[in-house]
Amino acid sequence: MILGKVIGNVVSTQKDERLTGNKLLIVQPINSKEEPEGSCFVATDIVGAGVNEIVLVVKGSSARHVDENKASISDAAIVGIVDYIERKD
């Protein structure tokens, strides 16, 4: 799983029909200190996340195994909204 922050939306009126009805969000991967780490990517939203929320993302074949996402061609899916991060260091 990837920890990320939603930084924007993607609107696409012309797309593969398997993406119809899916909200597409731009995710910035972050580390446990909530600092940006790596390149942004687009993910389908399964849980109703919004901009500025910290989320859990699965990529690759795991993204296609999410119940509501089985027919999707997406390779990244937001599967959780993080309430808080607790570090012990």
PDB file of N, CA and C in Angstrom:
ATOM      1  N   MET A   1       0.839  -1.186   0.000  1.00  0.00           N
ATOM      2  CA  MET A   1       0.000   0.000   0.000  1.00  0.00           C
ATOM      3  C   MET A   1       0.876   1.238   0.000  1.00  0.00           C
ATOM      4  N   ILE A   2       0.315   2.283  -0.534  1.00  0.00           N
ATOM      5  CA  ILE A   2       1.013   3.565  -0.614  1.00  0.00           C
ATOM      6  C   ILE A   2       0.252   4.592   0.202  1.00  0.00           C
ATOM      7  N   LEU A   3       0.987   5.379   0.969  1.00  0.00           N
ATOM      8  CA  LEU A   3       0.402   6.495   1.697  1.00  0.00           C
ATOM      9  C   LEU A   3       0.504   7.708   0.785  1.00  0.00           C
ATOM     10  N   GLY A   4      -0.590   8.445   0.613  1.00  0.00           N
ATOM     11  CA  GLY A   4      -0.560   9.590  -0.288  1.00  0.00           C
ATOM     12  C   GLY A   4      -1.503  10.692   0.147  1.00  0.00           C
ATOM     13  N   LYS A   5      -1.353  11.843  -0.481  1.00  0.00           N
ATOM     14  CA  LYS A   5      -2.225  12.986  -0.231  1.00  0.00           C
ATOM     15  C   LYS A   5      -2.899  13.353  -1.550  1.00  0.00           C
ATOM     16  N   VAL A   6      -4.221  13.517  -1.512  1.00  0.00           N
ATOM     17  CA  VAL A   6      -4.964  13.907  -2.705  1.00  0.00           C
ATOM     18  C   VAL A   6      -4.705  15.393  -2.952  1.00  0.00           C
ATOM     19  N   ILE A   7      -4.197  15.700  -4.149  1.00  0.00           N
ATOM     20  CA  ILE A   7      -3.854  17.094  -4.450  1.00  0.00           C
ATOM     21  C   ILE A   7      -4.693  17.683  -5.585  1.00  0.00           C
ATOM     22  N   GLY A   8      -5.576  16.889  -6.164  1.00  0.00           N
ATOM     23  CA  GLY A   8      -6.393  17.425  -7.245  1.00  0.00           C
ATOM     24  C   GLY A   8      -7.311  16.397  -7.864  1.00  0.00           C
ATOM     25  N   ASN A   9      -8.130  16.848  -8.807  1.00  0.00           N
ATOM     26  CA  ASN A   9      -9.085  16.022  -9.536  1.00  0.00           C
ATOM     27  C   ASN A   9      -8.696  15.958 -11.000  1.00  0.00           C
ATOM     28  N   VAL A  10      -9.130  14.909 -11.673  1.00  0.00           N
ATOM     29  CA  VAL A  10      -8.971  14.795 -13.114  1.00  0.00           C
ATOM     30  C   VAL A  10     -10.364  14.622 -13.701  1.00  0.00           C
ATOM     31  N   VAL A  11     -10.704  15.463 -14.673  1.00  0.00           N
ATOM     32  CA  VAL A  11     -11.992  15.356 -15.355  1.00  0.00           C
ATOM     33  C   VAL A  11     -11.721  14.932 -16.788  1.00  0.00           C
ATOM     34  N   SER A  12     -12.381  13.850 -17.209  1.00  0.00           N
ATOM     35  CA  SER A  12     -12.198  13.328 -18.561  1.00  0.00           C
ATOM     36  C   SER A  12     -13.553  12.890 -19.097  1.00  0.00           C
ATOM     37  N   THR A  13     -14.094  13.664 -20.017  1.00  0.00           N
ATOM     38  CA  THR A  13     -15.410  13.313 -20.557  1.00  0.00           C
ATOM     39  C   THR A  13     -15.315  12.205 -21.596  1.00  0.00           C
ATOM     40  N   GLN A  14     -14.186  12.100 -22.288  1.00  0.00           N
ATOM     41  CA  GLN A  14     -13.964  11.026 -23.255  1.00  0.00           C
ATOM     42  C   GLN A  14     -12.988  10.035 -22.644  1.00  0.00           C
ATOM     43  N   LYS A  15     -13.481   8.830 -22.328  1.00  0.00           N
ATOM     44  CA  LYS A  15     -12.627   7.818 -21.700  1.00  0.00           C
ATOM     45  C   LYS A  15     -13.176   6.435 -21.978  1.00  0.00           C
ATOM     46  N   ASP A  16     -12.398   5.434 -21.685  1.00  0.00           N
ATOM     47  CA  ASP A  16     -12.842   4.049 -21.803  1.00  0.00           C
ATOM     48  C   ASP A  16     -14.086   3.866 -20.947  1.00  0.00           C
ATOM     49  N   GLU A  17     -15.070   3.155 -21.461  1.00  0.00           N
ATOM     50  CA  GLU A  17     -16.349   2.997 -20.741  1.00  0.00           C
ATOM     51  C   GLU A  17     -16.178   2.330 -19.379  1.00  0.00           C
ATOM     52  N   ARG A  18     -15.108   1.572 -19.194  1.00  0.00           N
ATOM     53  CA  ARG A  18     -14.891   0.925 -17.886  1.00  0.00           C
ATOM     54  C   ARG A  18     -14.496   1.918 -16.796  1.00  0.00           C
ATOM     55  N   LEU A  19     -14.157   3.143 -17.193  1.00  0.00           N
ATOM     56  CA  LEU A  19     -13.847   4.187 -16.214  1.00  0.00           C
ATOM     57  C   LEU A  19     -15.063   5.074 -15.914  1.00  0.00           C
ATOM     58  N   THR A  20     -16.138   4.917 -16.666  1.00  0.00           N
ATOM     59  CA  THR A  20     -17.333   5.731 -16.457  1.00  0.00           C
ATOM     60  C   THR A  20     -17.862   5.538 -15.040  1.00  0.00           C
ATOM     61  N   GLY A  21     -18.148   6.655 -14.376  1.00  0.00           N
ATOM     62  CA  GLY A  21     -18.674   6.606 -13.015  1.00  0.00           C
ATOM     63  C   GLY A  21     -17.614   6.613 -11.933  1.00  0.00           C
ATOM     64  N   ASN A  22     -16.356   6.488 -12.316  1.00  0.00           N
ATOM     65  CA  ASN A  22     -15.267   6.522 -11.338  1.00  0.00           C
ATOM     66  C   ASN A  22     -14.726   7.936 -11.197  1.00  0.00           C
ATOM     67  N   LYS A  23     -14.552   8.376  -9.950  1.00  0.00           N
ATOM     68  CA  LYS A  23     -13.907   9.663  -9.695  1.00  0.00           C
ATOM     69  C   LYS A  23     -12.399   9.443  -9.790  1.00  0.00           C
ATOM     70  N   LEU A  24     -11.719  10.318 -10.524  1.00  0.00           N
ATOM     71  CA  LEU A  24     -10.279  10.220 -10.705  1.00  0.00           C
ATOM     72  C   LEU A  24      -9.600  11.333  -9.919  1.00  0.00           C
ATOM     73  N   LEU A  25      -8.647  10.969  -9.081  1.00  0.00           N
ATOM     74  CA  LEU A  25      -7.962  11.935  -8.230  1.00  0.00           C
ATOM     75  C   LEU A  25      -6.455  11.872  -8.439  1.00  0.00           C
ATOM     76  N   ILE A  26      -5.791  13.020  -8.296  1.00  0.00           N
ATOM     77  CA  ILE A  26      -4.334  13.076  -8.369  1.00  0.00           C
ATOM     78  C   ILE A  26      -3.783  12.866  -6.967  1.00  0.00           C
ATOM     79  N   VAL A  27      -2.877  11.902  -6.834  1.00  0.00           N
ATOM     80  CA  VAL A  27      -2.312  11.553  -5.527  1.00  0.00           C
ATOM     81  C   VAL A  27      -0.813  11.816  -5.528  1.00  0.00           C
ATOM     82  N   GLN A  28      -0.348  12.498  -4.484  1.00  0.00           N
ATOM     83  CA  GLN A  28       1.083  12.717  -4.248  1.00  0.00           C
ATOM     84  C   GLN A  28       1.519  11.728  -3.173  1.00  0.00           C
ATOM     85  N   PRO A  29       2.388  10.763  -3.488  1.00  0.00           N
ATOM     86  CA  PRO A  29       2.884   9.865  -2.441  1.00  0.00           C
ATOM     87  C   PRO A  29       3.592  10.669  -1.347  1.00  0.00           C
ATOM     88  N   ILE A  30       3.423  10.229  -0.105  1.00  0.00           N
ATOM     89  CA  ILE A  30       4.066  10.894   1.033  1.00  0.00           C
ATOM     90  C   ILE A  30       4.713   9.846   1.937  1.00  0.00           C
ATOM     91  N   ASN A  31       5.626  10.309   2.797  1.00  0.00           N
ATOM     92  CA  ASN A  31       6.207   9.407   3.794  1.00  0.00           C
ATOM     93  C   ASN A  31       5.431   9.538   5.103  1.00  0.00           C
ATOM     94  N   SER A  32       5.868   8.870   6.141  1.00  0.00           N
ATOM     95  CA  SER A  32       5.134   8.884   7.413  1.00  0.00           C
ATOM     96  C   SER A  32       5.175  10.231   8.130  1.00  0.00           C
ATOM     97  N   LYS A  33       6.047  11.141   7.655  1.00  0.00           N
ATOM     98  CA  LYS A  33       6.079  12.505   8.198  1.00  0.00           C
ATOM     99  C   LYS A  33       5.211  13.442   7.356  1.00  0.00           C
ATOM    100  N   GLU A  34       4.473  12.855   6.401  1.00  0.00           N
ATOM    101  CA  GLU A  34       3.585  13.575   5.481  1.00  0.00           C
ATOM    102  C   GLU A  34       4.331  14.492   4.532  1.00  0.00           C
ATOM    103  N   GLU A  35       5.596  14.135   4.227  1.00  0.00           N
ATOM    104  CA  GLU A  35       6.409  14.880   3.272  1.00  0.00           C
ATOM    105  C   GLU A  35       6.276  14.222   1.894  1.00  0.00           C
ATOM    106  N   PRO A  36       6.212  15.027   0.814  1.00  0.00           N
ATOM    107  CA  PRO A  36       6.108  14.463  -0.532  1.00  0.00           C
ATOM    108  C   PRO A  36       7.277  13.530  -0.834  1.00  0.00           C
ATOM    109  N   GLU A  37       6.961  12.449  -1.547  1.00  0.00           N
ATOM    110  CA  GLU A  37       7.981  11.459  -1.876  1.00  0.00           C
ATOM    111  C   GLU A  37       7.625  10.804  -3.211  1.00  0.00           C
ATOM    112  N   GLY A  38       8.374  11.065  -4.246  1.00  0.00           N
ATOM    113  CA  GLY A  38       8.106  10.454  -5.540  1.00  0.00           C
ATOM    114  C   GLY A  38       7.166  11.284  -6.399  1.00  0.00           C
ATOM    115  N   SER A  39       6.768  10.695  -7.522  1.00  0.00           N
ATOM    116  CA  SER A  39       5.940  11.387  -8.518  1.00  0.00           C
ATOM    117  C   SER A  39       4.453  11.167  -8.272  1.00  0.00           C
ATOM    118  N   CYS A  40       3.668  12.166  -8.651  1.00  0.00           N
ATOM    119  CA  CYS A  40       2.212  12.084  -8.542  1.00  0.00           C
ATOM    120  C   CYS A  40       1.669  11.089  -9.558  1.00  0.00           C
ATOM    121  N   PHE A  41       0.478  10.563  -9.281  1.00  0.00           N
ATOM    122  CA  PHE A  41      -0.199   9.661 -10.203  1.00  0.00           C
ATOM    123  C   PHE A  41      -1.706   9.823 -10.040  1.00  0.00           C
ATOM    124  N   VAL A  42      -2.458   9.275 -10.981  1.00  0.00           N
ATOM    125  CA  VAL A  42      -3.919   9.339 -10.945  1.00  0.00           C
ATOM    126  C   VAL A  42      -4.448   8.011 -10.424  1.00  0.00           C
ATOM    127  N   ALA A  43      -5.434   8.081  -9.518  1.00  0.00           N
ATOM    128  CA  ALA A  43      -6.049   6.880  -8.952  1.00  0.00           C
ATOM    129  C   ALA A  43      -7.567   7.001  -8.980  1.00  0.00           C
ATOM    130  N   THR A  44      -8.242   5.873  -9.154  1.00  0.00           N
ATOM    131  CA  THR A  44      -9.696   5.873  -9.025  1.00  0.00           C
ATOM    132  C   THR A  44     -10.038   5.896  -7.545  1.00  0.00           C
ATOM    133  N   ASP A  45     -11.113   6.596  -7.216  1.00  0.00           N
ATOM    134  CA  ASP A  45     -11.522   6.758  -5.817  1.00  0.00           C
ATOM    135  C   ASP A  45     -12.662   5.796  -5.507  1.00  0.00           C
ATOM    136  N   ILE A  46     -12.437   4.872  -4.594  1.00  0.00           N
ATOM    137  CA  ILE A  46     -13.435   3.881  -4.202  1.00  0.00           C
ATOM    138  C   ILE A  46     -14.170   4.295  -2.928  1.00  0.00           C
ATOM    139  N   VAL A  47     -13.573   5.204  -2.141  1.00  0.00           N
ATOM    140  CA  VAL A  47     -14.078   5.480  -0.790  1.00  0.00           C
ATOM    141  C   VAL A  47     -14.639   6.886  -0.571  1.00  0.00           C
ATOM    142  N   GLY A  48     -14.646   7.733  -1.586  1.00  0.00           N
ATOM    143  CA  GLY A  48     -15.173   9.089  -1.417  1.00  0.00           C
ATOM    144  C   GLY A  48     -14.184  10.078  -0.853  1.00  0.00           C
ATOM    145  N   ALA A  49     -12.924   9.928  -1.204  1.00  0.00           N
ATOM    146  CA  ALA A  49     -11.881  10.850  -0.724  1.00  0.00           C
ATOM    147  C   ALA A  49     -12.000  12.199  -1.424  1.00  0.00           C
ATOM    148  N   GLY A  50     -11.336  13.191  -0.846  1.00  0.00           N
ATOM    149  CA  GLY A  50     -11.347  14.528  -1.428  1.00  0.00           C
ATOM    150  C   GLY A  50      -9.983  15.175  -1.352  1.00  0.00           C
ATOM    151  N   VAL A  51      -9.872  16.332  -1.971  1.00  0.00           N
ATOM    152  CA  VAL A  51      -8.611  17.074  -2.012  1.00  0.00           C
ATOM    153  C   VAL A  51      -8.138  17.380  -0.589  1.00  0.00           C
ATOM    154  N   ASN A  52      -6.847  17.251  -0.360  1.00  0.00           N
ATOM    155  CA  ASN A  52      -6.133  17.475   0.908  1.00  0.00           C
ATOM    156  C   ASN A  52      -6.277  16.337   1.914  1.00  0.00           C
ATOM    157  N   GLU A  53      -6.952  15.261   1.556  1.00  0.00           N
ATOM    158  CA  GLU A  53      -7.045  14.130   2.479  1.00  0.00           C
ATOM    159  C   GLU A  53      -5.861  13.188   2.274  1.00  0.00           C
ATOM    160  N   ILE A  54      -5.429  12.577   3.377  1.00  0.00           N
ATOM    161  CA  ILE A  54      -4.396  11.554   3.340  1.00  0.00           C
ATOM    162  C   ILE A  54      -5.116  10.231   3.078  1.00  0.00           C
ATOM    163  N   VAL A  55      -4.605   9.453   2.116  1.00  0.00           N
ATOM    164  CA  VAL A  55      -5.288   8.240   1.681  1.00  0.00           C
ATOM    165  C   VAL A  55      -4.340   7.051   1.598  1.00  0.00           C
ATOM    166  N   LEU A  56      -4.949   5.855   1.573  1.00  0.00           N
ATOM    167  CA  LEU A  56      -4.225   4.618   1.312  1.00  0.00           C
ATOM    168  C   LEU A  56      -4.546   4.201  -0.112  1.00  0.00           C
ATOM    169  N   VAL A  57      -3.516   3.863  -0.874  1.00  0.00           N
ATOM    170  CA  VAL A  57      -3.684   3.513  -2.283  1.00  0.00           C
ATOM    171  C   VAL A  57      -3.055   2.149  -2.548  1.00  0.00           C
ATOM    172  N   VAL A  58      -3.742   1.352  -3.364  1.00  0.00           N
ATOM    173  CA  VAL A  58      -3.143   0.116  -3.873  1.00  0.00           C
ATOM    174  C   VAL A  58      -2.919   0.301  -5.363  1.00  0.00           C
ATOM    175  N   LYS A  59      -1.854  -0.323  -5.859  1.00  0.00           N
ATOM    176  CA  LYS A  59      -1.523  -0.195  -7.281  1.00  0.00           C
ATOM    177  C   LYS A  59      -1.399  -1.578  -7.909  1.00  0.00           C
ATOM    178  N   GLY A  60      -1.386  -1.588  -9.227  1.00  0.00           N
ATOM    179  CA  GLY A  60      -1.209  -2.828  -9.973  1.00  0.00           C
ATOM    180  C   GLY A  60      -2.427  -3.726  -9.893  1.00  0.00           C
ATOM    181  N   SER A  61      -2.195  -5.033  -9.883  1.00  0.00           N
ATOM    182  CA  SER A  61      -3.312  -5.981  -9.897  1.00  0.00           C
ATOM    183  C   SER A  61      -4.194  -5.852  -8.655  1.00  0.00           C
ATOM    184  N   SER A  62      -3.649  -5.391  -7.545  1.00  0.00           N
ATOM    185  CA  SER A  62      -4.457  -5.188  -6.331  1.00  0.00           C
ATOM    186  C   SER A  62      -5.561  -4.165  -6.568  1.00  0.00           C
ATOM    187  N   ALA A  63      -5.282  -3.147  -7.369  1.00  0.00           N
ATOM    188  CA  ALA A  63      -6.282  -2.105  -7.656  1.00  0.00           C
ATOM    189  C   ALA A  63      -7.461  -2.671  -8.425  1.00  0.00           C
ATOM    190  N   ARG A  64      -7.217  -3.680  -9.250  1.00  0.00           N
ATOM    191  CA  ARG A  64      -8.300  -4.270 -10.034  1.00  0.00           C
ATOM    192  C   ARG A  64      -9.094  -5.298  -9.243  1.00  0.00           C
ATOM    193  N   HIS A  65      -8.615  -5.703  -8.083  1.00  0.00           N
ATOM    194  CA  HIS A  65      -9.321  -6.687  -7.262  1.00  0.00           C
ATOM    195  C   HIS A  65     -10.241  -6.055  -6.226  1.00  0.00           C
ATOM    196  N   VAL A  66     -10.275  -4.737  -6.164  1.00  0.00           N
ATOM    197  CA  VAL A  66     -11.186  -4.047  -5.254  1.00  0.00           C
ATOM    198  C   VAL A  66     -12.602  -4.305  -5.738  1.00  0.00           C
ATOM    199  N   ASP A  67     -13.504  -4.707  -4.840  1.00  0.00           N
ATOM    200  CA  ASP A  67     -14.857  -5.141  -5.209  1.00  0.00           C
ATOM    201  C   ASP A  67     -15.549  -4.273  -6.251  1.00  0.00           C
ATOM    202  N   GLU A  68     -15.656  -2.976  -6.015  1.00  0.00           N
ATOM    203  CA  GLU A  68     -16.387  -2.104  -6.925  1.00  0.00           C
ATOM    204  C   GLU A  68     -15.574  -1.794  -8.182  1.00  0.00           C
ATOM    205  N   ASN A  69     -14.357  -2.227  -8.241  1.00  0.00           N
ATOM    206  CA  ASN A  69     -13.437  -1.840  -9.301  1.00  0.00           C
ATOM    207  C   ASN A  69     -13.066  -3.006 -10.216  1.00  0.00           C
ATOM    208  N   LYS A  70     -13.738  -4.167 -10.092  1.00  0.00           N
ATOM    209  CA  LYS A  70     -13.315  -5.380 -10.801  1.00  0.00           C
ATOM    210  C   LYS A  70     -13.248  -5.236 -12.310  1.00  0.00           C
ATOM    211  N   ALA A  71     -14.144  -4.478 -12.908  1.00  0.00           N
ATOM    212  CA  ALA A  71     -14.148  -4.335 -14.366  1.00  0.00           C
ATOM    213  C   ALA A  71     -13.271  -3.170 -14.825  1.00  0.00           C
ATOM    214  N   SER A  72     -12.680  -2.450 -13.903  1.00  0.00           N
ATOM    215  CA  SER A  72     -11.913  -1.250 -14.244  1.00  0.00           C
ATOM    216  C   SER A  72     -10.577  -1.600 -14.884  1.00  0.00           C
ATOM    217  N   ILE A  73     -10.069  -0.662 -15.623  1.00  0.00           N
ATOM    218  CA  ILE A  73      -8.737  -0.806 -16.212  1.00  0.00           C
ATOM    219  C   ILE A  73      -7.706   0.010 -15.435  1.00  0.00           C
ATOM    220  N   SER A  74      -8.120   0.571 -14.309  1.00  0.00           N
ATOM    221  CA  SER A  74      -7.248   1.411 -13.490  1.00  0.00           C
ATOM    222  C   SER A  74      -6.147   0.579 -12.845  1.00  0.00           C
ATOM    223  N   ASP A  75      -4.956   1.172 -12.731  1.00  0.00           N
ATOM    224  CA  ASP A  75      -3.867   0.471 -12.049  1.00  0.00           C
ATOM    225  C   ASP A  75      -3.555   1.074 -10.680  1.00  0.00           C
ATOM    226  N   ALA A  76      -4.432   1.995 -10.200  1.00  0.00           N
ATOM    227  CA  ALA A  76      -4.275   2.564  -8.859  1.00  0.00           C
ATOM    228  C   ALA A  76      -5.666   2.881  -8.313  1.00  0.00           C
ATOM    229  N   ALA A  77      -5.918   2.480  -7.069  1.00  0.00           N
ATOM    230  CA  ALA A  77      -7.223   2.725  -6.455  1.00  0.00           C
ATOM    231  C   ALA A  77      -7.051   3.205  -5.022  1.00  0.00           C
ATOM    232  N   ILE A  78      -7.800   4.244  -4.669  1.00  0.00           N
ATOM    233  CA  ILE A  78      -7.813   4.735  -3.289  1.00  0.00           C
ATOM    234  C   ILE A  78      -8.774   3.844  -2.515  1.00  0.00           C
ATOM    235  N   VAL A  79      -8.255   3.166  -1.469  1.00  0.00           N
ATOM    236  CA  VAL A  79      -9.054   2.195  -0.727  1.00  0.00           C
ATOM    237  C   VAL A  79      -9.286   2.587   0.729  1.00  0.00           C
ATOM    238  N   GLY A  80      -8.714   3.696   1.165  1.00  0.00           N
ATOM    239  CA  GLY A  80      -8.905   4.136   2.542  1.00  0.00           C
ATOM    240  C   GLY A  80      -8.565   5.598   2.727  1.00  0.00           C
ATOM    241  N   ILE A  81      -9.249   6.220   3.699  1.00  0.00           N
ATOM    242  CA  ILE A  81      -8.956   7.593   4.096  1.00  0.00           C
ATOM    243  C   ILE A  81      -8.339   7.513   5.488  1.00  0.00           C
ATOM    244  N   VAL A  82      -7.154   8.106   5.650  1.00  0.00           N
ATOM    245  CA  VAL A  82      -6.400   8.012   6.908  1.00  0.00           C
ATOM    246  C   VAL A  82      -6.953   9.016   7.919  1.00  0.00           C
ATOM    247  N   ASP A  83      -7.261   8.528   9.133  1.00  0.00           N
ATOM    248  CA  ASP A  83      -7.705   9.407  10.216  1.00  0.00           C
ATOM    249  C   ASP A  83      -6.519  10.119  10.856  1.00  0.00           C
ATOM    250  N   TYR A  84      -5.475   9.377  11.145  1.00  0.00           N
ATOM    251  CA  TYR A  84      -4.254   9.978  11.685  1.00  0.00           C
ATOM    252  C   TYR A  84      -3.097   9.006  11.518  1.00  0.00           C
ATOM    253  N   ILE A  85      -1.887   9.543  11.607  1.00  0.00           N
ATOM    254  CA  ILE A  85      -0.676   8.741  11.528  1.00  0.00           C
ATOM    255  C   ILE A  85       0.026   8.866  12.869  1.00  0.00           C
ATOM    256  N   GLU A  86       0.323   7.740  13.482  1.00  0.00           N
ATOM    257  CA  GLU A  86       1.000   7.739  14.783  1.00  0.00           C
ATOM    258  C   GLU A  86       2.372   7.120  14.605  1.00  0.00           C
ATOM    259  N   ARG A  87       3.405   7.920  14.870  1.00  0.00           N
ATOM    260  CA  ARG A  87       4.787   7.458  14.748  1.00  0.00           C
ATOM    261  C   ARG A  87       5.380   7.255  16.139  1.00  0.00           C
ATOM    262  N   LYS A  88       6.214   6.259  16.278  1.00  0.00           N
ATOM    263  CA  LYS A  88       6.884   5.971  17.556  1.00  0.00           C
ATOM    264  C   LYS A  88       8.395   6.105  17.368  1.00  0.00           C
ATOM    265  N   ASP A  89       8.872   7.345  17.209  1.00  0.00           N
ATOM    266  CA  ASP A  89      10.321   7.515  17.066  1.00  0.00           C
ATOM    267  C   ASP A  89      10.814   8.709  17.827  1.00  0.00           C
TER     268      ASP A  89
END
